[in-house]
C-alpha cells in the first residue's frame, strides 16, 4: 500500500518527509498519509512531488488500486480513524524519535 517507488526516490534525493511536504505546500503528517497509502495522491500532487524531486512522474507514480480495496475492507468493518488521531500519532512518532536520539547521547557519555 505504501508508495515504495516514491519513498525510494525521496530518500535517494536526500529529502525527509517534512522537507518535501514543505516544498509541495502541505504538512508532514498529511504528506505521510499520502506516502503510506492511507490517503490518495492527486494528479496535481504527483506532478508537484515529481517536480520537487527532479524526476518524471512516471518514475515515482503508483496507482491507488490497493488503497481502494483497503478502504472497502475498512468500510465493511465500519472503522474510521479521525484525522486528529492520525496527527497525534505522527506527533508521538516525532517525540519518540527525539527521545531515542537523546537516549543514544546519554549512553555515549
PDB file of N, CA and C in Angstrom:
ATOM      1  N   UNK A   1       0.808  -1.195   0.000  1.00  0.00           N
ATOM      2  CA  UNK A   1       0.000   0.000   0.000  1.00  0.00           C
ATOM      3  C   UNK A   1       0.853   1.262   0.000  1.00  0.00           C
ATOM      4  N   UNK A   2       2.025   1.218   0.679  1.00  0.00           N
ATOM      5  CA  UNK A   2       2.821   2.431   0.668  1.00  0.00           C
ATOM      6  C   UNK A   2       3.419   2.645  -0.716  1.00  0.00           C
ATOM      7  N   UNK A   3       3.834   3.826  -0.953  1.00  0.00           N
ATOM      8  CA  UNK A   3       4.363   4.216  -2.254  1.00  0.00           C
ATOM      9  C   UNK A   3       5.871   3.980  -2.271  1.00  0.00           C
ATOM     10  N   UNK A   4       6.260   2.720  -2.486  1.00  0.00           N
ATOM     11  CA  UNK A   4       7.660   2.304  -2.395  1.00  0.00           C
ATOM     12  C   UNK A   4       8.563   3.068  -3.366  1.00  0.00           C
ATOM     13  N   UNK A   5       8.101   3.266  -4.597  1.00  0.00           N
ATOM     14  CA  UNK A   5       8.916   3.998  -5.581  1.00  0.00           C
ATOM     15  C   UNK A   5       9.157   5.431  -5.101  1.00  0.00           C
ATOM     16  N   UNK A   6       8.104   6.065  -4.639  1.00  0.00           N
ATOM     17  CA  UNK A   6       8.206   7.443  -4.164  1.00  0.00           C
ATOM     18  C   UNK A   6       9.161   7.526  -2.977  1.00  0.00           C
ATOM     19  N   UNK A   7       9.006   6.624  -2.026  1.00  0.00           N
ATOM     20  CA  UNK A   7       9.868   6.626  -0.843  1.00  0.00           C
ATOM     21  C   UNK A   7      11.324   6.439  -1.243  1.00  0.00           C
ATOM     22  N   UNK A   8      11.577   5.485  -2.132  1.00  0.00           N
ATOM     23  CA  UNK A   8      12.948   5.205  -2.565  1.00  0.00           C
ATOM     24  C   UNK A   8      13.581   6.429  -3.222  1.00  0.00           C
ATOM     25  N   UNK A   9      12.844   7.085  -4.114  1.00  0.00           N
ATOM     26  CA  UNK A   9      13.394   8.259  -4.799  1.00  0.00           C
ATOM     27  C   UNK A   9      13.587   9.408  -3.814  1.00  0.00           C
ATOM     28  N   UNK A  10      12.607   9.619  -2.934  1.00  0.00           N
ATOM     29  CA  UNK A  10      12.725  10.713  -1.952  1.00  0.00           C
ATOM     30  C   UNK A  10      13.974  10.532  -1.100  1.00  0.00           C
ATOM     31  N   UNK A  11      14.178   9.318  -0.615  1.00  0.00           N
ATOM     32  CA  UNK A  11      15.350   9.056   0.222  1.00  0.00           C
ATOM     33  C   UNK A  11      16.647   9.178  -0.565  1.00  0.00           C
ATOM     34  N   UNK A  12      16.650   8.704  -1.810  1.00  0.00           N
ATOM     35  CA  UNK A  12      17.864   8.785  -2.622  1.00  0.00           C
ATOM     36  C   UNK A  12      18.239  10.225  -2.937  1.00  0.00           C
ATOM     37  N   UNK A  13      17.232  11.103  -2.968  1.00  0.00           N
ATOM     38  CA  UNK A  13      17.487  12.527  -3.220  1.00  0.00           C
ATOM     39  C   UNK A  13      17.810  13.277  -1.926  1.00  0.00           C
ATOM     40  N   UNK A  14      17.723  12.581  -0.785  1.00  0.00           N
ATOM     41  CA  UNK A  14      18.103  13.181   0.492  1.00  0.00           C
ATOM     42  C   UNK A  14      17.036  14.032   1.154  1.00  0.00           C
ATOM     43  N   UNK A  15      15.780  13.825   0.780  1.00  0.00           N
ATOM     44  CA  UNK A  15      14.696  14.601   1.367  1.00  0.00           C
ATOM     45  C   UNK A  15      14.049  13.846   2.523  1.00  0.00           C
ATOM     46  N   UNK A  16      13.734  14.554   3.595  1.00  0.00           N
ATOM     47  CA  UNK A  16      12.884  13.989   4.638  1.00  0.00           C
ATOM     48  C   UNK A  16      11.440  14.225   4.212  1.00  0.00           C
ATOM     49  N   UNK A  17      10.515  13.546   4.865  1.00  0.00           N
ATOM     50  CA  UNK A  17       9.102  13.788   4.567  1.00  0.00           C
ATOM     51  C   UNK A  17       8.762  15.251   4.822  1.00  0.00           C
ATOM     52  N   UNK A  18       9.273  15.797   5.908  1.00  0.00           N
ATOM     53  CA  UNK A  18       8.962  17.179   6.268  1.00  0.00           C
ATOM     54  C   UNK A  18       9.472  18.163   5.218  1.00  0.00           C
ATOM     55  N   UNK A  19      10.689  17.942   4.740  1.00  0.00           N
ATOM     56  CA  UNK A  19      11.252  18.842   3.727  1.00  0.00           C
ATOM     57  C   UNK A  19      10.437  18.809   2.445  1.00  0.00           C
ATOM     58  N   UNK A  20      10.107  17.619   1.976  1.00  0.00           N
ATOM     59  CA  UNK A  20       9.337  17.509   0.738  1.00  0.00           C
ATOM     60  C   UNK A  20       7.934  18.071   0.923  1.00  0.00           C
ATOM     61  N   UNK A  21       7.327  17.793   2.068  1.00  0.00           N
ATOM     62  CA  UNK A  21       5.990  18.317   2.345  1.00  0.00           C
ATOM     63  C   UNK A  21       5.987  19.840   2.298  1.00  0.00           C
ATOM     64  N   UNK A  22       7.003  20.466   2.891  1.00  0.00           N
ATOM     65  CA  UNK A  22       7.102  21.930   2.862  1.00  0.00           C
ATOM     66  C   UNK A  22       7.190  22.449   1.426  1.00  0.00           C
ATOM     67  N   UNK A  23       7.972  21.762   0.601  1.00  0.00           N
ATOM     68  CA  UNK A  23       8.152  22.201  -0.779  1.00  0.00           C
ATOM     69  C   UNK A  23       6.871  22.114  -1.609  1.00  0.00           C
ATOM     70  N   UNK A  24       6.013  21.140  -1.286  1.00  0.00           N
ATOM     71  CA  UNK A  24       4.780  20.998  -2.060  1.00  0.00           C
ATOM     72  C   UNK A  24       3.580  21.636  -1.368  1.00  0.00           C
ATOM     73  N   UNK A  25       3.816  22.243  -0.213  1.00  0.00           N
ATOM     74  CA  UNK A  25       2.767  23.031   0.446  1.00  0.00           C
ATOM     75  C   UNK A  25       1.784  22.237   1.279  1.00  0.00           C
ATOM     76  N   UNK A  26       2.284  21.252   2.034  1.00  0.00           N
ATOM     77  CA  UNK A  26       1.394  20.543   2.952  1.00  0.00           C
ATOM     78  C   UNK A  26       2.168  20.178   4.206  1.00  0.00           C
ATOM     79  N   UNK A  27       1.447  19.765   5.234  1.00  0.00           N
ATOM     80  CA  UNK A  27       2.091  19.374   6.478  1.00  0.00           C
ATOM     81  C   UNK A  27       2.754  18.010   6.310  1.00  0.00           C
ATOM     82  N   UNK A  28       3.710  17.739   7.172  1.00  0.00           N
ATOM     83  CA  UNK A  28       4.392  16.450   7.131  1.00  0.00           C
ATOM     84  C   UNK A  28       3.406  15.323   7.387  1.00  0.00           C
ATOM     85  N   UNK A  29       2.466  15.530   8.310  1.00  0.00           N
ATOM     86  CA  UNK A  29       1.509  14.464   8.626  1.00  0.00           C
ATOM     87  C   UNK A  29       0.602  14.158   7.435  1.00  0.00           C
ATOM     88  N   UNK A  30       0.173  15.193   6.707  1.00  0.00           N
ATOM     89  CA  UNK A  30      -0.638  14.957   5.506  1.00  0.00           C
ATOM     90  C   UNK A  30       0.179  14.249   4.431  1.00  0.00           C
ATOM     91  N   UNK A  31       1.436  14.660   4.280  1.00  0.00           N
ATOM     92  CA  UNK A  31       2.301  14.004   3.292  1.00  0.00           C
ATOM     93  C   UNK A  31       2.507  12.537   3.671  1.00  0.00           C
ATOM     94  N   UNK A  32       2.736  12.287   4.935  1.00  0.00           N
ATOM     95  CA  UNK A  32       2.960  10.920   5.414  1.00  0.00           C
ATOM     96  C   UNK A  32       1.776  10.014   5.095  1.00  0.00           C
ATOM     97  N   UNK A  33       0.570  10.530   5.255  1.00  0.00           N
ATOM     98  CA  UNK A  33      -0.624   9.740   4.937  1.00  0.00           C
ATOM     99  C   UNK A  33      -0.663   9.386   3.452  1.00  0.00           C
ATOM    100  N   UNK A  34      -0.203  10.279   2.615  1.00  0.00           N
ATOM    101  CA  UNK A  34      -0.184  10.005   1.177  1.00  0.00           C
ATOM    102  C   UNK A  34       0.897   8.978   0.837  1.00  0.00           C
ATOM    103  N   UNK A  35       2.080   9.160   1.407  1.00  0.00           N
ATOM    104  CA  UNK A  35       3.187   8.258   1.109  1.00  0.00           C
ATOM    105  C   UNK A  35       2.907   6.848   1.631  1.00  0.00           C
ATOM    106  N   UNK A  36       2.191   6.763   2.746  1.00  0.00           N
ATOM    107  CA  UNK A  36       1.885   5.447   3.318  1.00  0.00           C
ATOM    108  C   UNK A  36       0.691   4.785   2.641  1.00  0.00           C
ATOM    109  N   UNK A  37      -0.014   5.541   1.784  1.00  0.00           N
ATOM    110  CA  UNK A  37      -1.157   4.983   1.074  1.00  0.00           C
ATOM    111  C   UNK A  37      -2.479   5.124   1.802  1.00  0.00           C
ATOM    112  N   UNK A  38      -2.475   5.799   2.946  1.00  0.00           N
ATOM    113  CA  UNK A  38      -3.731   5.985   3.682  1.00  0.00           C
ATOM    114  C   UNK A  38      -4.611   7.047   3.038  1.00  0.00           C
ATOM    115  N   UNK A  39      -4.005   7.943   2.273  1.00  0.00           N
ATOM    116  CA  UNK A  39      -4.732   8.981   1.545  1.00  0.00           C
ATOM    117  C   UNK A  39      -4.245   8.967   0.106  1.00  0.00           C
ATOM    118  N   UNK A  40      -5.162   9.078  -0.834  1.00  0.00           N
ATOM    119  CA  UNK A  40      -4.786   9.095  -2.246  1.00  0.00           C
ATOM    120  C   UNK A  40      -3.982  10.342  -2.589  1.00  0.00           C
ATOM    121  N   UNK A  41      -3.035  10.189  -3.480  1.00  0.00           N
ATOM    122  CA  UNK A  41      -2.266  11.318  -4.009  1.00  0.00           C
ATOM    123  C   UNK A  41      -2.953  11.751  -5.292  1.00  0.00           C
ATOM    124  N   UNK A  42      -3.307  13.032  -5.372  1.00  0.00           N
ATOM    125  CA  UNK A  42      -3.983  13.545  -6.563  1.00  0.00           C
ATOM    126  C   UNK A  42      -2.980  13.716  -7.701  1.00  0.00           C
ATOM    127  N   UNK A  43      -3.502  13.862  -8.902  1.00  0.00           N
ATOM    128  CA  UNK A  43      -2.631  14.073 -10.073  1.00  0.00           C
ATOM    129  C   UNK A  43      -1.788  15.336  -9.898  1.00  0.00           C
ATOM    130  N   UNK A  44      -2.396  16.388  -9.376  1.00  0.00           N
ATOM    131  CA  UNK A  44      -1.665  17.646  -9.156  1.00  0.00           C
ATOM    132  C   UNK A  44      -0.542  17.431  -8.155  1.00  0.00           C
ATOM    133  N   UNK A  45      -0.836  16.680  -7.078  1.00  0.00           N
ATOM    134  CA  UNK A  45       0.189  16.400  -6.068  1.00  0.00           C
ATOM    135  C   UNK A  45       1.319  15.554  -6.643  1.00  0.00           C
ATOM    136  N   UNK A  46       0.981  14.551  -7.469  1.00  0.00           N
ATOM    137  CA  UNK A  46       2.019  13.742  -8.121  1.00  0.00           C
ATOM    138  C   UNK A  46       2.944  14.653  -8.932  1.00  0.00           C
ATOM    139  N   UNK A  47       2.352  15.589  -9.666  1.00  0.00           N
ATOM    140  CA  UNK A  47       3.148  16.495 -10.507  1.00  0.00           C
ATOM    141  C   UNK A  47       4.070  17.371  -9.649  1.00  0.00           C
ATOM    142  N   UNK A  48       3.541  17.900  -8.549  1.00  0.00           N
ATOM    143  CA  UNK A  48       4.356  18.744  -7.659  1.00  0.00           C
ATOM    144  C   UNK A  48       5.499  17.944  -7.046  1.00  0.00           C
ATOM    145  N   UNK A  49       5.195  16.746  -6.588  1.00  0.00           N
ATOM    146  CA  UNK A  49       6.214  15.900  -5.960  1.00  0.00           C
ATOM    147  C   UNK A  49       7.319  15.574  -6.969  1.00  0.00           C
ATOM    148  N   UNK A  50       6.917  15.168  -8.172  1.00  0.00           N
ATOM    149  CA  UNK A  50       7.892  14.830  -9.214  1.00  0.00           C
ATOM    150  C   UNK A  50       8.780  16.032  -9.527  1.00  0.00           C
ATOM    151  N   UNK A  51       8.166  17.198  -9.623  1.00  0.00           N
ATOM    152  CA  UNK A  51       8.928  18.411  -9.929  1.00  0.00           C
ATOM    153  C   UNK A  51       9.970  18.682  -8.839  1.00  0.00           C
ATOM    154  N   UNK A  52       9.570  18.600  -7.588  1.00  0.00           N
ATOM    155  CA  UNK A  52      10.492  18.880  -6.485  1.00  0.00           C
ATOM    156  C   UNK A  52      11.598  17.831  -6.374  1.00  0.00           C
ATOM    157  N   UNK A  53      11.285  16.595  -6.748  1.00  0.00           N
ATOM    158  CA  UNK A  53      12.296  15.538  -6.723  1.00  0.00           C
ATOM    159  C   UNK A  53      13.169  15.545  -7.979  1.00  0.00           C
ATOM    160  N   UNK A  54      12.738  16.301  -8.984  1.00  0.00           N
ATOM    161  CA  UNK A  54      13.514  16.394 -10.221  1.00  0.00           C
ATOM    162  C   UNK A  54      13.453  15.136 -11.070  1.00  0.00           C
ATOM    163  N   UNK A  55      12.282  14.475 -11.060  1.00  0.00           N
ATOM    164  CA  UNK A  55      12.103  13.253 -11.850  1.00  0.00           C
ATOM    165  C   UNK A  55      10.783  13.332 -12.607  1.00  0.00           C
ATOM    166  N   UNK A  56      10.639  12.487 -13.622  1.00  0.00           N
ATOM    167  CA  UNK A  56       9.362  12.372 -14.309  1.00  0.00           C
ATOM    168  C   UNK A  56       8.369  11.677 -13.381  1.00  0.00           C
ATOM    169  N   UNK A  57       7.113  12.071 -13.480  1.00  0.00           N
ATOM    170  CA  UNK A  57       6.078  11.491 -12.627  1.00  0.00           C
ATOM    171  C   UNK A  57       6.032   9.977 -12.748  1.00  0.00           C
ATOM    172  N   UNK A  58       6.274   9.451 -13.939  1.00  0.00           N
ATOM    173  CA  UNK A  58       6.188   8.008 -14.176  1.00  0.00           C
ATOM    174  C   UNK A  58       7.199   7.226 -13.334  1.00  0.00           C
ATOM    175  N   UNK A  59       8.293   7.862 -12.948  1.00  0.00           N
ATOM    176  CA  UNK A  59       9.323   7.205 -12.139  1.00  0.00           C
ATOM    177  C   UNK A  59       8.805   6.887 -10.740  1.00  0.00           C
ATOM    178  N   UNK A  60       7.962   7.761 -10.194  1.00  0.00           N
ATOM    179  CA  UNK A  60       7.506   7.602  -8.807  1.00  0.00           C
ATOM    180  C   UNK A  60       6.053   7.170  -8.680  1.00  0.00           C
ATOM    181  N   UNK A  61       5.290   7.280  -9.774  1.00  0.00           N
ATOM    182  CA  UNK A  61       3.844   7.041  -9.716  1.00  0.00           C
ATOM    183  C   UNK A  61       3.503   5.582  -9.418  1.00  0.00           C
ATOM    184  N   UNK A  62       2.572   5.390  -8.505  1.00  0.00           N
ATOM    185  CA  UNK A  62       1.973   4.086  -8.227  1.00  0.00           C
ATOM    186  C   UNK A  62       0.482   4.317  -8.028  1.00  0.00           C
ATOM    187  N   UNK A  63      -0.324   3.466  -8.635  1.00  0.00           N
ATOM    188  CA  UNK A  63      -1.774   3.660  -8.579  1.00  0.00           C
ATOM    189  C   UNK A  63      -2.308   3.421  -7.174  1.00  0.00           C
ATOM    190  N   UNK A  64      -3.565   3.773  -6.996  1.00  0.00           N
ATOM    191  CA  UNK A  64      -4.220   3.633  -5.701  1.00  0.00           C
ATOM    192  C   UNK A  64      -5.155   2.434  -5.661  1.00  0.00           C
ATOM    193  N   UNK A  65      -4.978   1.464  -6.556  1.00  0.00           N
ATOM    194  CA  UNK A  65      -5.882   0.314  -6.615  1.00  0.00           C
ATOM    195  C   UNK A  65      -5.906  -0.458  -5.306  1.00  0.00           C
ATOM    196  N   UNK A  66      -4.720  -0.727  -4.728  1.00  0.00           N
ATOM    197  CA  UNK A  66      -4.675  -1.445  -3.457  1.00  0.00           C
ATOM    198  C   UNK A  66      -5.374  -0.654  -2.368  1.00  0.00           C
ATOM    199  N   UNK A  67      -5.228   0.656  -2.408  1.00  0.00           N
ATOM    200  CA  UNK A  67      -5.866   1.519  -1.410  1.00  0.00           C
ATOM    201  C   UNK A  67      -7.367   1.369  -1.468  1.00  0.00           C
ATOM    202  N   UNK A  68      -7.930   1.299  -2.663  1.00  0.00           N
ATOM    203  CA  UNK A  68      -9.372   1.164  -2.815  1.00  0.00           C
ATOM    204  C   UNK A  68      -9.856  -0.117  -2.146  1.00  0.00           C
ATOM    205  N   UNK A  69      -9.144  -1.208  -2.340  1.00  0.00           N
ATOM    206  CA  UNK A  69      -9.518  -2.467  -1.698  1.00  0.00           C
ATOM    207  C   UNK A  69      -9.445  -2.324  -0.182  1.00  0.00           C
ATOM    208  N   UNK A  70      -8.396  -1.688   0.300  1.00  0.00           N
ATOM    209  CA  UNK A  70      -8.202  -1.470   1.733  1.00  0.00           C
ATOM    210  C   UNK A  70      -9.349  -0.644   2.303  1.00  0.00           C
ATOM    211  N   UNK A  71      -9.725   0.425   1.626  1.00  0.00           N
ATOM    212  CA  UNK A  71     -10.827   1.274   2.081  1.00  0.00           C
ATOM    213  C   UNK A  71     -12.121   0.479   2.111  1.00  0.00           C
ATOM    214  N   UNK A  72     -12.379  -0.301   1.070  1.00  0.00           N
ATOM    215  CA  UNK A  72     -13.598  -1.107   1.041  1.00  0.00           C
ATOM    216  C   UNK A  72     -13.633  -2.082   2.209  1.00  0.00           C
ATOM    217  N   UNK A  73     -12.503  -2.670   2.531  1.00  0.00           N
ATOM    218  CA  UNK A  73     -12.437  -3.590   3.664  1.00  0.00           C
ATOM    219  C   UNK A  73     -12.730  -2.856   4.959  1.00  0.00           C
ATOM    220  N   UNK A  74     -12.118  -1.699   5.131  1.00  0.00           N
ATOM    221  CA  UNK A  74     -12.350  -0.915   6.349  1.00  0.00           C
ATOM    222  C   UNK A  74     -13.793  -0.443   6.410  1.00  0.00           C
ATOM    223  N   UNK A  75     -14.331   0.010   5.291  1.00  0.00           N
ATOM    224  CA  UNK A  75     -15.727   0.450   5.292  1.00  0.00           C
ATOM    225  C   UNK A  75     -16.662  -0.688   5.665  1.00  0.00           C
ATOM    226  N   UNK A  76     -16.343  -1.879   5.221  1.00  0.00           N
ATOM    227  CA  UNK A  76     -17.169  -3.030   5.565  1.00  0.00           C
ATOM    228  C   UNK A  76     -17.141  -3.280   7.068  1.00  0.00           C
ATOM    229  N   UNK A  77     -16.015  -2.970   7.681  1.00  0.00           N
ATOM    230  CA  UNK A  77     -15.895  -3.150   9.126  1.00  0.00           C
ATOM    231  C   UNK A  77     -16.382  -1.920   9.899  1.00  0.00           C
ATOM    232  N   UNK A  78     -16.695  -0.859   9.197  1.00  0.00           N
ATOM    233  CA  UNK A  78     -17.152   0.406   9.772  1.00  0.00           C
ATOM    234  C   UNK A  78     -16.146   0.976  10.762  1.00  0.00           C
ATOM    235  N   UNK A  79     -14.871   0.982  10.326  1.00  0.00           N
ATOM    236  CA  UNK A  79     -13.800   1.536  11.136  1.00  0.00           C
ATOM    237  C   UNK A  79     -13.295   2.796  10.446  1.00  0.00           C
ATOM    238  N   UNK A  80     -13.229   3.868  11.197  1.00  0.00           N
ATOM    239  CA  UNK A  80     -12.605   5.086  10.677  1.00  0.00           C
ATOM    240  C   UNK A  80     -11.712   5.653  11.771  1.00  0.00           C
ATOM    241  N   UNK A  81     -10.584   6.180  11.354  1.00  0.00           N
ATOM    242  CA  UNK A  81      -9.661   6.809  12.292  1.00  0.00           C
ATOM    243  C   UNK A  81      -9.665   8.299  11.994  1.00  0.00           C
ATOM    244  N   UNK A  82     -10.120   9.110  12.937  1.00  0.00           N
ATOM    245  CA  UNK A  82     -10.181  10.559  12.708  1.00  0.00           C
ATOM    246  C   UNK A  82      -8.796  11.153  12.440  1.00  0.00           C
ATOM    247  N   UNK A  83      -8.768  12.216  11.643  1.00  0.00           N
ATOM    248  CA  UNK A  83      -7.511  12.875  11.299  1.00  0.00           C
ATOM    249  C   UNK A  83      -6.748  13.336  12.530  1.00  0.00           C
ATOM    250  N   UNK A  84      -7.457  13.834  13.549  1.00  0.00           N
ATOM    251  CA  UNK A  84      -6.753  14.356  14.713  1.00  0.00           C
ATOM    252  C   UNK A  84      -5.993  13.236  15.435  1.00  0.00           C
ATOM    253  N   UNK A  85      -6.490  12.015  15.364  1.00  0.00           N
ATOM    254  CA  UNK A  85      -5.783  10.890  15.972  1.00  0.00           C
ATOM    255  C   UNK A  85      -4.543  10.559  15.141  1.00  0.00           C
ATOM    256  N   UNK A  86      -4.687  10.566  13.830  1.00  0.00           N
ATOM    257  CA  UNK A  86      -3.534  10.295  12.970  1.00  0.00           C
ATOM    258  C   UNK A  86      -2.457  11.365  13.172  1.00  0.00           C
ATOM    259  N   UNK A  87      -2.872  12.621  13.313  1.00  0.00           N
ATOM    260  CA  UNK A  87      -1.908  13.696  13.550  1.00  0.00           C
ATOM    261  C   UNK A  87      -1.219  13.512  14.896  1.00  0.00           C
ATOM    262  N   UNK A  88      -1.970  13.066  15.906  1.00  0.00           N
ATOM    263  CA  UNK A  88      -1.382  12.827  17.219  1.00  0.00           C
ATOM    264  C   UNK A  88      -0.378  11.672  17.149  1.00  0.00           C
ATOM    265  N   UNK A  89      -0.685  10.658  16.396  1.00  0.00           N
ATOM    266  CA  UNK A  89       0.250   9.537  16.220  1.00  0.00           C
ATOM    267  C   UNK A  89       1.542  10.042  15.592  1.00  0.00           C
ATOM    268  N   UNK A  90       1.438  10.908  14.585  1.00  0.00           N
ATOM    269  CA  UNK A  90       2.633  11.468  13.953  1.00  0.00           C
ATOM    270  C   UNK A  90       3.448  12.272  14.962  1.00  0.00           C
ATOM    271  N   UNK A  91       2.774  13.037  15.807  1.00  0.00           N
ATOM    272  CA  UNK A  91       3.457  13.813  16.841  1.00  0.00           C
ATOM    273  C   UNK A  91       4.185  12.875  17.803  1.00  0.00           C
ATOM    274  N   UNK A  92       3.527  11.803  18.201  1.00  0.00           N
ATOM    275  CA  UNK A  92       4.148  10.835  19.104  1.00  0.00           C
ATOM    276  C   UNK A  92       5.355  10.165  18.464  1.00  0.00           C
ATOM    277  N   UNK A  93       5.270   9.897  17.171  1.00  0.00           N
ATOM    278  CA  UNK A  93       6.418   9.312  16.465  1.00  0.00           C
ATOM    279  C   UNK A  93       7.614  10.257  16.518  1.00  0.00           C
ATOM    280  N   UNK A  94       7.360  11.560  16.295  1.00  0.00           N
ATOM    281  CA  UNK A  94       8.440  12.548  16.343  1.00  0.00           C
ATOM    282  C   UNK A  94       9.050  12.605  17.741  1.00  0.00           C
ATOM    283  N   UNK A  95       8.193  12.648  18.758  1.00  0.00           N
ATOM    284  CA  UNK A  95       8.678  12.702  20.132  1.00  0.00           C
ATOM    285  C   UNK A  95       9.485  11.450  20.468  1.00  0.00           C
ATOM    286  N   UNK A  96       9.024  10.299  20.017  1.00  0.00           N
ATOM    287  CA  UNK A  96       9.730   9.045  20.245  1.00  0.00           C
ATOM    288  C   UNK A  96      11.118   9.082  19.609  1.00  0.00           C
ATOM    289  N   UNK A  97      11.185   9.613  18.393  1.00  0.00           N
ATOM    290  CA  UNK A  97      12.468   9.714  17.704  1.00  0.00           C
ATOM    291  C   UNK A  97      13.432  10.606  18.486  1.00  0.00           C
ATOM    292  N   UNK A  98      12.933  11.746  18.964  1.00  0.00           N
ATOM    293  CA  UNK A  98      13.772  12.661  19.739  1.00  0.00           C
ATOM    294  C   UNK A  98      14.270  11.992  21.015  1.00  0.00           C
ATOM    295  N   UNK A  99      13.391  11.263  21.677  1.00  0.00           N
ATOM    296  CA  UNK A  99      13.781  10.588  22.915  1.00  0.00           C
ATOM    297  C   UNK A  99      14.814   9.494  22.658  1.00  0.00           C
ATOM    298  N   UNK A 100      14.665   8.779  21.552  1.00  0.00           N
ATOM    299  CA  UNK A 100      15.652   7.756  21.202  1.00  0.00           C
ATOM    300  C   UNK A 100      17.019   8.389  20.948  1.00  0.00           C
ATOM    301  N   UNK A 101      17.030   9.544  20.259  1.00  0.00           N
ATOM    302  CA  UNK A 101      18.290  10.236  19.993  1.00  0.00           C
ATOM    303  C   UNK A 101      18.919  10.724  21.298  1.00  0.00           C
ATOM    304  N   UNK A 102      18.089  11.226  22.198  1.00  0.00           N
ATOM    305  CA  UNK A 102      18.573  11.701  23.485  1.00  0.00           C
ATOM    306  C   UNK A 102      19.158  10.534  24.290  1.00  0.00           C
ATOM    307  N   UNK A 103      18.503   9.395  24.261  1.00  0.00           N
ATOM    308  CA  UNK A 103      18.983   8.205  24.955  1.00  0.00           C
ATOM    309  C   UNK A 103      20.329   7.752  24.407  1.00  0.00           C
ATOM    310  N   UNK A 104      20.473   7.797  23.087  1.00  0.00           N
ATOM    311  CA  UNK A 104      21.757   7.432  22.472  1.00  0.00           C
ATOM    312  C   UNK A 104      22.882   8.347  22.969  1.00  0.00           C
ATOM    313  N   UNK A 105      22.573   9.647  23.067  1.00  0.00           N
ATOM    314  CA  UNK A 105      23.594  10.606  23.541  1.00  0.00           C
ATOM    315  C   UNK A 105      23.994  10.291  24.977  1.00  0.00           C
ATOM    316  N   UNK A 106      23.027   9.964  25.819  1.00  0.00           N
ATOM    317  CA  UNK A 106      23.324   9.632  27.216  1.00  0.00           C
ATOM    318  C   UNK A 106      24.148   8.355  27.318  1.00  0.00           C
ATOM    319  N   UNK A 107      23.816   7.352  26.505  1.00  0.00           N
ATOM    320  CA  UNK A 107      24.564   6.100  26.521  1.00  0.00           C
ATOM    321  C   UNK A 107      26.003   6.313  26.035  1.00  0.00           C
ATOM    322  N   UNK A 108      26.191   7.261  25.125  1.00  0.00           N
ATOM    323  CA  UNK A 108      27.514   7.525  24.560  1.00  0.00           C
ATOM    324  C   UNK A 108      28.426   8.249  25.540  1.00  0.00           C
ATOM    325  N   UNK A 109      27.871   8.852  26.580  1.00  0.00           N
ATOM    326  CA  UNK A 109      28.681   9.613  27.532  1.00  0.00           C
ATOM    327  C   UNK A 109      29.476   8.749  28.452  1.00  0.00           C
TER     328      UNK A 109
END
